Amino acid sequence: MTITRATKHQIVAALLAGCVSSVAFAQASDPTAAPATHADKKAAKEQAKADKKAAVAQAKADKKKTDAQADADKANADAAVKDAKKQD
Protein backbone atom coordinates (compact mmCIF):
# COMPACT_ATOMS: atom_id res chain seq x y z
CA MET A 1 0.00 0.00 0.00
CA THR A 2 1.53 3.26 -1.06
CA ILE A 3 0.57 6.61 0.34
CA THR A 4 0.61 9.50 -2.05
CA ARG A 5 2.08 12.86 -1.23
CA ALA A 6 -1.40 14.43 -1.07
CA THR A 7 -2.59 11.79 1.38
CA LYS A 8 0.47 12.39 3.58
CA HIS A 9 -0.28 16.11 3.63
CA GLN A 10 -3.90 15.45 4.56
CA ILE A 11 -2.86 13.14 7.40
CA VAL A 12 -0.32 15.65 8.73
CA ALA A 13 -2.89 18.47 8.47
CA ALA A 14 -5.47 16.41 10.35
CA LEU A 15 -2.99 15.56 13.10
CA LEU A 16 -1.93 19.17 13.48
CA ALA A 17 -5.55 20.33 13.59
CA GLY A 18 -6.28 17.77 16.29
CA CYS A 19 -3.31 18.88 18.38
CA VAL A 20 -4.16 22.57 18.05
CA SER A 21 -7.81 22.02 18.94
CA SER A 22 -6.94 19.92 21.99
CA VAL A 23 -4.47 22.56 23.21
CA ALA A 24 -7.07 25.30 22.71
CA PHE A 25 -9.66 23.26 24.59
CA ALA A 26 -7.23 22.57 27.44
CA GLN A 27 -6.46 26.26 27.80
CA ALA A 28 -10.12 27.25 27.67
CA SER A 29 -11.17 24.68 30.27
CA ASP A 30 -8.25 25.27 32.66
CA PRO A 31 -9.71 26.99 35.75
CA THR A 32 -6.31 28.36 36.77
CA ALA A 33 -5.90 30.12 33.45
CA ALA A 34 -8.49 32.78 34.33
CA PRO A 35 -7.58 35.33 36.99
CA ALA A 36 -9.23 34.63 40.32
CA THR A 37 -12.06 36.97 41.18
CA HIS A 38 -12.91 38.21 44.65
CA ALA A 39 -15.74 35.69 44.80
CA ASP A 40 -13.35 32.88 43.84
CA LYS A 41 -10.93 33.90 46.58
CA LYS A 42 -13.74 34.12 49.13
CA ALA A 43 -15.08 30.71 48.10
CA ALA A 44 -11.59 29.21 48.39
CA LYS A 45 -11.20 30.71 51.86
CA GLU A 46 -14.58 29.32 52.95
CA GLN A 47 -13.66 25.93 51.51
CA ALA A 48 -10.41 25.95 53.46
CA LYS A 49 -12.35 26.73 56.65
CA ALA A 50 -14.79 23.91 55.95
CA ASP A 51 -11.93 21.50 55.24
CA LYS A 52 -10.27 22.44 58.52
CA LYS A 53 -13.51 21.94 60.46
CA ALA A 54 -14.03 18.58 58.80
CA ALA A 55 -10.49 17.51 59.66
CA VAL A 56 -10.99 18.50 63.31
CA ALA A 57 -14.31 16.66 63.47
CA GLN A 58 -12.73 13.57 61.91
CA ALA A 59 -9.87 13.69 64.41
CA LYS A 60 -12.34 13.92 67.30
CA ALA A 61 -14.34 11.00 65.95
CA ASP A 62 -11.16 8.96 65.53
CA LYS A 63 -10.15 9.75 69.11
CA LYS A 64 -13.57 8.68 70.42
CA LYS A 65 -13.37 5.45 68.45
CA THR A 66 -9.85 4.77 69.72
CA ASP A 67 -10.88 5.47 73.32
CA ALA A 68 -13.93 3.22 72.99
CA GLN A 69 -11.79 0.45 71.54
CA ALA A 70 -9.28 0.84 74.37
CA ASP A 71 -12.09 0.60 76.93
CA ALA A 72 -13.44 -2.52 75.22
CA ASP A 73 -9.98 -4.08 75.15
CA LYS A 74 -9.51 -3.34 78.87
CA ALA A 75 -12.90 -4.84 79.71
CA ASN A 76 -12.01 -7.91 77.65
CA ALA A 77 -8.70 -8.28 79.46
CA ASP A 78 -10.38 -7.87 82.85
CA ALA A 79 -12.95 -10.52 81.95
CA ALA A 80 -10.19 -12.88 80.83
CA VAL A 81 -8.35 -12.40 84.16
CA LYS A 82 -11.58 -12.96 86.08
CA ASP A 83 -12.28 -16.16 84.12
CA ALA A 84 -8.75 -17.37 84.70
CA LYS A 85 -9.10 -16.81 88.45
CA LYS A 86 -12.40 -18.72 88.49
CA GLN A 87 -10.76 -21.75 86.90
CA ASP A 88 -8.12 -21.93 89.61
PDB file of N, CA and C in Angstrom:
ATOM      1  N   MET A   1       0.854  -1.164   0.000  1.00  0.00           N
ATOM      2  CA  MET A   1       0.000   0.000   0.000  1.00  0.00           C
ATOM      3  C   MET A   1       0.899   1.226   0.000  1.00  0.00           C
ATOM      4  N   THR A   2       0.737   2.047  -0.981  1.00  0.00           N
ATOM      5  CA  THR A   2       1.528   3.261  -1.060  1.00  0.00           C
ATOM      6  C   THR A   2       0.661   4.458  -0.709  1.00  0.00           C
ATOM      7  N   ILE A   3       1.276   5.383  -0.047  1.00  0.00           N
ATOM      8  CA  ILE A   3       0.569   6.606   0.343  1.00  0.00           C
ATOM      9  C   ILE A   3       1.102   7.729  -0.532  1.00  0.00           C
ATOM     10  N   THR A   4       0.203   8.408  -1.169  1.00  0.00           N
ATOM     11  CA  THR A   4       0.611   9.495  -2.054  1.00  0.00           C
ATOM     12  C   THR A   4       0.988  10.711  -1.231  1.00  0.00           C
ATOM     13  N   ARG A   5       1.648  11.636  -1.894  1.00  0.00           N
ATOM     14  CA  ARG A   5       2.083  12.862  -1.227  1.00  0.00           C
ATOM     15  C   ARG A   5       0.871  13.646  -0.711  1.00  0.00           C
ATOM     16  N   ALA A   6      -0.193  13.701  -1.474  1.00  0.00           N
ATOM     17  CA  ALA A   6      -1.400  14.434  -1.074  1.00  0.00           C
ATOM     18  C   ALA A   6      -2.020  13.801   0.173  1.00  0.00           C
ATOM     19  N   THR A   7      -2.042  12.486   0.217  1.00  0.00           N
ATOM     20  CA  THR A   7      -2.590  11.793   1.382  1.00  0.00           C
ATOM     21  C   THR A   7      -1.734  12.061   2.613  1.00  0.00           C
ATOM     22  N   LYS A   8      -0.426  12.081   2.461  1.00  0.00           N
ATOM     23  CA  LYS A   8       0.466  12.392   3.584  1.00  0.00           C
ATOM     24  C   LYS A   8       0.184  13.780   4.112  1.00  0.00           C
ATOM     25  N   HIS A   9       0.005  14.736   3.201  1.00  0.00           N
ATOM     26  CA  HIS A   9      -0.276  16.111   3.629  1.00  0.00           C
ATOM     27  C   HIS A   9      -1.617  16.192   4.351  1.00  0.00           C
ATOM     28  N   GLN A  10      -2.596  15.447   3.896  1.00  0.00           N
ATOM     29  CA  GLN A  10      -3.897  15.447   4.562  1.00  0.00           C
ATOM     30  C   GLN A  10      -3.794  14.845   5.960  1.00  0.00           C
ATOM     31  N   ILE A  11      -3.040  13.786   6.095  1.00  0.00           N
ATOM     32  CA  ILE A  11      -2.858  13.137   7.405  1.00  0.00           C
ATOM     33  C   ILE A  11      -2.145  14.085   8.366  1.00  0.00           C
ATOM     34  N   VAL A  12      -1.070  14.717   7.886  1.00  0.00           N
ATOM     35  CA  VAL A  12      -0.322  15.653   8.728  1.00  0.00           C
ATOM     36  C   VAL A  12      -1.210  16.827   9.120  1.00  0.00           C
ATOM     37  N   ALA A  13      -1.998  17.351   8.176  1.00  0.00           N
ATOM     38  CA  ALA A  13      -2.885  18.470   8.465  1.00  0.00           C
ATOM     39  C   ALA A  13      -3.936  18.077   9.505  1.00  0.00           C
ATOM     40  N   ALA A  14      -4.465  16.878   9.402  1.00  0.00           N
ATOM     41  CA  ALA A  14      -5.473  16.405  10.352  1.00  0.00           C
ATOM     42  C   ALA A  14      -4.865  16.245  11.743  1.00  0.00           C
ATOM     43  N   LEU A  15      -3.657  15.714  11.797  1.00  0.00           N
ATOM     44  CA  LEU A  15      -2.988  15.562  13.097  1.00  0.00           C
ATOM     45  C   LEU A  15      -2.700  16.906  13.737  1.00  0.00           C
ATOM     46  N   LEU A  16      -2.206  17.834  12.943  1.00  0.00           N
ATOM     47  CA  LEU A  16      -1.928  19.166  13.480  1.00  0.00           C
ATOM     48  C   LEU A  16      -3.201  19.846  13.957  1.00  0.00           C
ATOM     49  N   ALA A  17      -4.276  19.729  13.197  1.00  0.00           N
ATOM     50  CA  ALA A  17      -5.548  20.333  13.588  1.00  0.00           C
ATOM     51  C   ALA A  17      -6.043  19.729  14.900  1.00  0.00           C
ATOM     52  N   GLY A  18      -5.873  18.428  15.046  1.00  0.00           N
ATOM     53  CA  GLY A  18      -6.281  17.772  16.292  1.00  0.00           C
ATOM     54  C   GLY A  18      -5.472  18.253  17.474  1.00  0.00           C
ATOM     55  N   CYS A  19      -4.171  18.410  17.292  1.00  0.00           N
ATOM     56  CA  CYS A  19      -3.309  18.885  18.379  1.00  0.00           C
ATOM     57  C   CYS A  19      -3.659  20.313  18.761  1.00  0.00           C
ATOM     58  N   VAL A  20      -3.846  21.161  17.771  1.00  0.00           N
ATOM     59  CA  VAL A  20      -4.162  22.566  18.046  1.00  0.00           C
ATOM     60  C   VAL A  20      -5.504  22.689  18.745  1.00  0.00           C
ATOM     61  N   SER A  21      -6.489  21.916  18.307  1.00  0.00           N
ATOM     62  CA  SER A  21      -7.806  22.018  18.936  1.00  0.00           C
ATOM     63  C   SER A  21      -7.778  21.496  20.371  1.00  0.00           C
ATOM     64  N   SER A  22      -7.005  20.443  20.626  1.00  0.00           N
ATOM     65  CA  SER A  22      -6.941  19.924  21.994  1.00  0.00           C
ATOM     66  C   SER A  22      -6.204  20.888  22.906  1.00  0.00           C
ATOM     67  N   VAL A  23      -5.179  21.562  22.408  1.00  0.00           N
ATOM     68  CA  VAL A  23      -4.469  22.560  23.212  1.00  0.00           C
ATOM     69  C   VAL A  23      -5.392  23.732  23.504  1.00  0.00           C
ATOM     70  N   ALA A  24      -6.141  24.183  22.513  1.00  0.00           N
ATOM     71  CA  ALA A  24      -7.068  25.300  22.708  1.00  0.00           C
ATOM     72  C   ALA A  24      -8.141  24.921  23.719  1.00  0.00           C
ATOM     73  N   PHE A  25      -8.652  23.711  23.634  1.00  0.00           N
ATOM     74  CA  PHE A  25      -9.659  23.264  24.589  1.00  0.00           C
ATOM     75  C   PHE A  25      -9.077  23.196  25.995  1.00  0.00           C
ATOM     76  N   ALA A  26      -7.863  22.685  26.123  1.00  0.00           N
ATOM     77  CA  ALA A  26      -7.233  22.570  27.440  1.00  0.00           C
ATOM     78  C   ALA A  26      -7.027  23.943  28.064  1.00  0.00           C
ATOM     79  N   GLN A  27      -6.652  24.916  27.265  1.00  0.00           N
ATOM     80  CA  GLN A  27      -6.459  26.257  27.799  1.00  0.00           C
ATOM     81  C   GLN A  27      -7.791  26.885  28.180  1.00  0.00           C
ATOM     82  N   ALA A  28      -8.821  26.657  27.392  1.00  0.00           N
ATOM     83  CA  ALA A  28     -10.124  27.252  27.667  1.00  0.00           C
ATOM     84  C   ALA A  28     -10.771  26.630  28.893  1.00  0.00           C
ATOM     85  N   SER A  29     -10.510  25.355  29.156  1.00  0.00           N
ATOM     86  CA  SER A  29     -11.166  24.679  30.270  1.00  0.00           C
ATOM     87  C   SER A  29     -10.308  24.667  31.533  1.00  0.00           C
ATOM     88  N   ASP A  30      -9.132  25.246  31.499  1.00  0.00           N
ATOM     89  CA  ASP A  30      -8.250  25.265  32.660  1.00  0.00           C
ATOM     90  C   ASP A  30      -8.713  26.352  33.625  1.00  0.00           C
ATOM     91  N   PRO A  31      -9.188  25.984  34.826  1.00  0.00           N
ATOM     92  CA  PRO A  31      -9.706  26.993  35.747  1.00  0.00           C
ATOM     93  C   PRO A  31      -8.616  27.925  36.283  1.00  0.00           C
ATOM     94  N   THR A  32      -7.366  27.496  36.262  1.00  0.00           N
ATOM     95  CA  THR A  32      -6.307  28.358  36.773  1.00  0.00           C
ATOM     96  C   THR A  32      -5.852  29.363  35.734  1.00  0.00           C
ATOM     97  N   ALA A  33      -6.315  29.209  34.505  1.00  0.00           N
ATOM     98  CA  ALA A  33      -5.903  30.123  33.449  1.00  0.00           C
ATOM     99  C   ALA A  33      -6.559  31.496  33.627  1.00  0.00           C
ATOM    100  N   ALA A  34      -7.783  31.519  34.135  1.00  0.00           N
ATOM    101  CA  ALA A  34      -8.487  32.783  34.334  1.00  0.00           C
ATOM    102  C   ALA A  34      -8.050  33.392  35.664  1.00  0.00           C
ATOM    103  N   PRO A  35      -7.948  34.705  35.717  1.00  0.00           N
ATOM    104  CA  PRO A  35      -7.580  35.332  36.991  1.00  0.00           C
ATOM    105  C   PRO A  35      -8.678  35.116  38.030  1.00  0.00           C
ATOM    106  N   ALA A  36      -8.276  34.900  39.253  1.00  0.00           N
ATOM    107  CA  ALA A  36      -9.230  34.635  40.324  1.00  0.00           C
ATOM    108  C   ALA A  36      -9.960  35.918  40.692  1.00  0.00           C
ATOM    109  N   THR A  37     -11.263  35.817  40.783  1.00  0.00           N
ATOM    110  CA  THR A  37     -12.058  36.973  41.185  1.00  0.00           C
ATOM    111  C   THR A  37     -12.159  37.003  42.706  1.00  0.00           C
ATOM    112  N   HIS A  38     -12.727  38.086  43.199  1.00  0.00           N
ATOM    113  CA  HIS A  38     -12.906  38.206  44.646  1.00  0.00           C
ATOM    114  C   HIS A  38     -13.798  37.075  45.157  1.00  0.00           C
ATOM    115  N   ALA A  39     -14.837  36.767  44.392  1.00  0.00           N
ATOM    116  CA  ALA A  39     -15.743  35.687  44.802  1.00  0.00           C
ATOM    117  C   ALA A  39     -15.018  34.345  44.832  1.00  0.00           C
ATOM    118  N   ASP A  40     -14.126  34.120  43.855  1.00  0.00           N
ATOM    119  CA  ASP A  40     -13.354  32.876  43.842  1.00  0.00           C
ATOM    120  C   ASP A  40     -12.461  32.774  45.072  1.00  0.00           C
ATOM    121  N   LYS A  41     -11.813  33.886  45.406  1.00  0.00           N
ATOM    122  CA  LYS A  41     -10.933  33.896  46.577  1.00  0.00           C
ATOM    123  C   LYS A  41     -11.727  33.662  47.856  1.00  0.00           C
ATOM    124  N   LYS A  42     -12.905  34.286  47.942  1.00  0.00           N
ATOM    125  CA  LYS A  42     -13.744  34.123  49.129  1.00  0.00           C
ATOM    126  C   LYS A  42     -14.223  32.677  49.235  1.00  0.00           C
ATOM    127  N   ALA A  43     -14.622  32.106  48.100  1.00  0.00           N
ATOM    128  CA  ALA A  43     -15.076  30.714  48.099  1.00  0.00           C
ATOM    129  C   ALA A  43     -13.941  29.774  48.501  1.00  0.00           C
ATOM    130  N   ALA A  44     -12.736  30.042  48.027  1.00  0.00           N
ATOM    131  CA  ALA A  44     -11.585  29.208  48.390  1.00  0.00           C
ATOM    132  C   ALA A  44     -11.294  29.305  49.883  1.00  0.00           C
ATOM    133  N   LYS A  45     -11.439  30.509  50.419  1.00  0.00           N
ATOM    134  CA  LYS A  45     -11.202  30.709  51.860  1.00  0.00           C
ATOM    135  C   LYS A  45     -12.249  29.953  52.680  1.00  0.00           C
ATOM    136  N   GLU A  46     -13.508  30.041  52.253  1.00  0.00           N
ATOM    137  CA  GLU A  46     -14.577  29.320  52.948  1.00  0.00           C
ATOM    138  C   GLU A  46     -14.378  27.810  52.840  1.00  0.00           C
ATOM    139  N   GLN A  47     -13.915  27.358  51.687  1.00  0.00           N
ATOM    140  CA  GLN A  47     -13.664  25.931  51.508  1.00  0.00           C
ATOM    141  C   GLN A  47     -12.541  25.459  52.423  1.00  0.00           C
ATOM    142  N   ALA A  48     -11.518  26.293  52.570  1.00  0.00           N
ATOM    143  CA  ALA A  48     -10.410  25.951  53.465  1.00  0.00           C
ATOM    144  C   ALA A  48     -10.901  25.856  54.906  1.00  0.00           C
ATOM    145  N   LYS A  49     -11.785  26.776  55.298  1.00  0.00           N
ATOM    146  CA  LYS A  49     -12.352  26.726  56.655  1.00  0.00           C
ATOM    147  C   LYS A  49     -13.152  25.439  56.848  1.00  0.00           C
ATOM    148  N   ALA A  50     -13.976  25.114  55.855  1.00  0.00           N
ATOM    149  CA  ALA A  50     -14.795  23.905  55.947  1.00  0.00           C
ATOM    150  C   ALA A  50     -13.915  22.658  56.003  1.00  0.00           C
ATOM    151  N   ASP A  51     -12.852  22.642  55.213  1.00  0.00           N
ATOM    152  CA  ASP A  51     -11.934  21.504  55.236  1.00  0.00           C
ATOM    153  C   ASP A  51     -11.277  21.347  56.601  1.00  0.00           C
ATOM    154  N   LYS A  52     -10.904  22.479  57.200  1.00  0.00           N
ATOM    155  CA  LYS A  52     -10.268  22.435  58.515  1.00  0.00           C
ATOM    156  C   LYS A  52     -11.253  21.917  59.562  1.00  0.00           C
ATOM    157  N   LYS A  53     -12.501  22.405  59.512  1.00  0.00           N
ATOM    158  CA  LYS A  53     -13.511  21.940  60.464  1.00  0.00           C
ATOM    159  C   LYS A  53     -13.766  20.447  60.296  1.00  0.00           C
ATOM    160  N   ALA A  54     -13.801  20.002  59.057  1.00  0.00           N
ATOM    161  CA  ALA A  54     -14.027  18.576  58.795  1.00  0.00           C
ATOM    162  C   ALA A  54     -12.867  17.742  59.319  1.00  0.00           C
ATOM    163  N   ALA A  55     -11.660  18.246  59.163  1.00  0.00           N
ATOM    164  CA  ALA A  55     -10.487  17.513  59.660  1.00  0.00           C
ATOM    165  C   ALA A  55     -10.509  17.417  61.179  1.00  0.00           C
ATOM    166  N   VAL A  56     -10.903  18.505  61.839  1.00  0.00           N
ATOM    167  CA  VAL A  56     -10.988  18.502  63.308  1.00  0.00           C
ATOM    168  C   VAL A  56     -12.071  17.526  63.765  1.00  0.00           C
ATOM    169  N   ALA A  57     -13.223  17.564  63.104  1.00  0.00           N
ATOM    170  CA  ALA A  57     -14.309  16.656  63.465  1.00  0.00           C
ATOM    171  C   ALA A  57     -13.898  15.207  63.257  1.00  0.00           C
ATOM    172  N   GLN A  58     -13.185  14.928  62.177  1.00  0.00           N
ATOM    173  CA  GLN A  58     -12.728  13.565  61.915  1.00  0.00           C
ATOM    174  C   GLN A  58     -11.731  13.120  62.976  1.00  0.00           C
ATOM    175  N   ALA A  59     -10.846  14.017  63.376  1.00  0.00           N
ATOM    176  CA  ALA A  59      -9.865  13.686  64.412  1.00  0.00           C
ATOM    177  C   ALA A  59     -10.560  13.380  65.741  1.00  0.00           C
ATOM    178  N   LYS A  60     -11.591  14.171  66.062  1.00  0.00           N
ATOM    179  CA  LYS A  60     -12.341  13.922  67.304  1.00  0.00           C
ATOM    180  C   LYS A  60     -13.057  12.574  67.244  1.00  0.00           C
ATOM    181  N   ALA A  61     -13.648  12.280  66.101  1.00  0.00           N
ATOM    182  CA  ALA A  61     -14.342  10.997  65.946  1.00  0.00           C
ATOM    183  C   ALA A  61     -13.355   9.832  66.046  1.00  0.00           C
ATOM    184  N   ASP A  62     -12.192  10.000  65.441  1.00  0.00           N
ATOM    185  CA  ASP A  62     -11.164   8.958  65.525  1.00  0.00           C
ATOM    186  C   ASP A  62     -10.716   8.746  66.962  1.00  0.00           C
ATOM    187  N   LYS A  63     -10.571   9.845  67.707  1.00  0.00           N
ATOM    188  CA  LYS A  63     -10.150   9.746  69.110  1.00  0.00           C
ATOM    189  C   LYS A  63     -11.210   9.013  69.931  1.00  0.00           C
ATOM    190  N   LYS A  64     -12.488   9.361  69.701  1.00  0.00           N
ATOM    191  CA  LYS A  64     -13.572   8.683  70.424  1.00  0.00           C
ATOM    192  C   LYS A  64     -13.561   7.187  70.122  1.00  0.00           C
ATOM    193  N   LYS A  65     -13.376   6.848  68.852  1.00  0.00           N
ATOM    194  CA  LYS A  65     -13.369   5.448  68.451  1.00  0.00           C
ATOM    195  C   LYS A  65     -12.195   4.720  69.097  1.00  0.00           C
ATOM    196  N   THR A  66     -11.040   5.370  69.111  1.00  0.00           N
ATOM    197  CA  THR A  66      -9.850   4.766  69.721  1.00  0.00           C
ATOM    198  C   THR A  66     -10.052   4.563  71.219  1.00  0.00           C
ATOM    199  N   ASP A  67     -10.628   5.587  71.877  1.00  0.00           N
ATOM    200  CA  ASP A  67     -10.884   5.472  73.317  1.00  0.00           C
ATOM    201  C   ASP A  67     -11.888   4.357  73.610  1.00  0.00           C
ATOM    202  N   ALA A  68     -12.939   4.269  72.798  1.00  0.00           N
ATOM    203  CA  ALA A  68     -13.934   3.219  72.994  1.00  0.00           C
ATOM    204  C   ALA A  68     -13.312   1.841  72.784  1.00  0.00           C
ATOM    205  N   GLN A  69     -12.450   1.725  71.793  1.00  0.00           N
ATOM    206  CA  GLN A  69     -11.788   0.445  71.539  1.00  0.00           C
ATOM    207  C   GLN A  69     -10.858   0.089  72.693  1.00  0.00           C
ATOM    208  N   ALA A  70     -10.167   1.091  73.230  1.00  0.00           N
ATOM    209  CA  ALA A  70      -9.280   0.841  74.371  1.00  0.00           C
ATOM    210  C   ALA A  70     -10.083   0.377  75.585  1.00  0.00           C
ATOM    211  N   ASP A  71     -11.237   1.013  75.811  1.00  0.00           N
ATOM    212  CA  ASP A  71     -12.094   0.599  76.934  1.00  0.00           C
ATOM    213  C   ASP A  71     -12.589  -0.836  76.734  1.00  0.00           C
ATOM    214  N   ALA A  72     -12.971  -1.159  75.506  1.00  0.00           N
ATOM    215  CA  ALA A  72     -13.442  -2.518  75.225  1.00  0.00           C
ATOM    216  C   ALA A  72     -12.322  -3.531  75.417  1.00  0.00           C
ATOM    217  N   ASP A  73     -11.125  -3.181  74.977  1.00  0.00           N
ATOM    218  CA  ASP A  73      -9.985  -4.082  75.151  1.00  0.00           C
ATOM    219  C   ASP A  73      -9.680  -4.296  76.632  1.00  0.00           C
ATOM    220  N   LYS A  74      -9.772  -3.230  77.427  1.00  0.00           N
ATOM    221  CA  LYS A  74      -9.513  -3.339  78.873  1.00  0.00           C
ATOM    222  C   LYS A  74     -10.571  -4.217  79.531  1.00  0.00           C
ATOM    223  N   ALA A  75     -11.822  -4.015  79.156  1.00  0.00           N
ATOM    224  CA  ALA A  75     -12.899  -4.837  79.710  1.00  0.00           C
ATOM    225  C   ALA A  75     -12.703  -6.298  79.330  1.00  0.00           C
ATOM    226  N   ASN A  76     -12.285  -6.544  78.106  1.00  0.00           N
ATOM    227  CA  ASN A  76     -12.014  -7.905  77.650  1.00  0.00           C
ATOM    228  C   ASN A  76     -10.886  -8.537  78.462  1.00  0.00           C
ATOM    229  N   ALA A  77      -9.840  -7.768  78.679  1.00  0.00           N
ATOM    230  CA  ALA A  77      -8.701  -8.281  79.457  1.00  0.00           C
ATOM    231  C   ALA A  77      -9.114  -8.560  80.904  1.00  0.00           C
ATOM    232  N   ASP A  78      -9.908  -7.663  81.480  1.00  0.00           N
ATOM    233  CA  ASP A  78     -10.378  -7.873  82.855  1.00  0.00           C
ATOM    234  C   ASP A  78     -11.243  -9.126  82.950  1.00  0.00           C
ATOM    235  N   ALA A  79     -12.095  -9.323  81.959  1.00  0.00           N
ATOM    236  CA  ALA A  79     -12.946 -10.517  81.946  1.00  0.00           C
ATOM    237  C   ALA A  79     -12.107 -11.778  81.806  1.00  0.00           C
ATOM    238  N   ALA A  80     -11.065 -11.717  81.002  1.00  0.00           N
ATOM    239  CA  ALA A  80     -10.186 -12.876  80.834  1.00  0.00           C
ATOM    240  C   ALA A  80      -9.473 -13.204  82.147  1.00  0.00           C
ATOM    241  N   VAL A  81      -9.023 -12.182  82.862  1.00  0.00           N
ATOM    242  CA  VAL A  81      -8.355 -12.397  84.157  1.00  0.00           C
ATOM    243  C   VAL A  81      -9.343 -12.991  85.150  1.00  0.00           C
ATOM    244  N   LYS A  82     -10.558 -12.454  85.158  1.00  0.00           N
ATOM    245  CA  LYS A  82     -11.582 -12.959  86.082  1.00  0.00           C
ATOM    246  C   LYS A  82     -11.903 -14.427  85.789  1.00  0.00           C
ATOM    247  N   ASP A  83     -12.027 -14.760  84.497  1.00  0.00           N
ATOM    248  CA  ASP A  83     -12.285 -16.157  84.115  1.00  0.00           C
ATOM    249  C   ASP A  83     -11.132 -17.063  84.511  1.00  0.00           C
ATOM    250  N   ALA A  84      -9.914 -16.567  84.343  1.00  0.00           N
ATOM    251  CA  ALA A  84      -8.747 -17.374  84.697  1.00  0.00           C
ATOM    252  C   ALA A  84      -8.705 -17.631  86.209  1.00  0.00           C
ATOM    253  N   LYS A  85      -9.087 -16.633  86.986  1.00  0.00           N
ATOM    254  CA  LYS A  85      -9.098 -16.809  88.451  1.00  0.00           C
ATOM    255  C   LYS A  85     -10.167 -17.791  88.868  1.00  0.00           C
ATOM    256  N   LYS A  86     -11.316 -17.784  88.162  1.00  0.00           N
ATOM    257  CA  LYS A  86     -12.399 -18.723  88.492  1.00  0.00           C
ATOM    258  C   LYS A  86     -11.971 -20.162  88.251  1.00  0.00           C
ATOM    259  N   GLN A  87     -11.164 -20.385  87.236  1.00  0.00           N
ATOM    260  CA  GLN A  87     -10.762 -21.749  86.898  1.00  0.00           C
ATOM    261  C   GLN A  87      -9.731 -22.300  87.875  1.00  0.00           C
ATOM    262  N   ASP A  88      -9.110 -21.439  88.623  1.00  0.00           N
ATOM    263  CA  ASP A  88      -8.118 -21.930  89.608  1.00  0.00           C
ATOM    264  C   ASP A  88      -8.755 -22.511  90.786  1.00  0.00           C
TER     265      ASP A  88
END
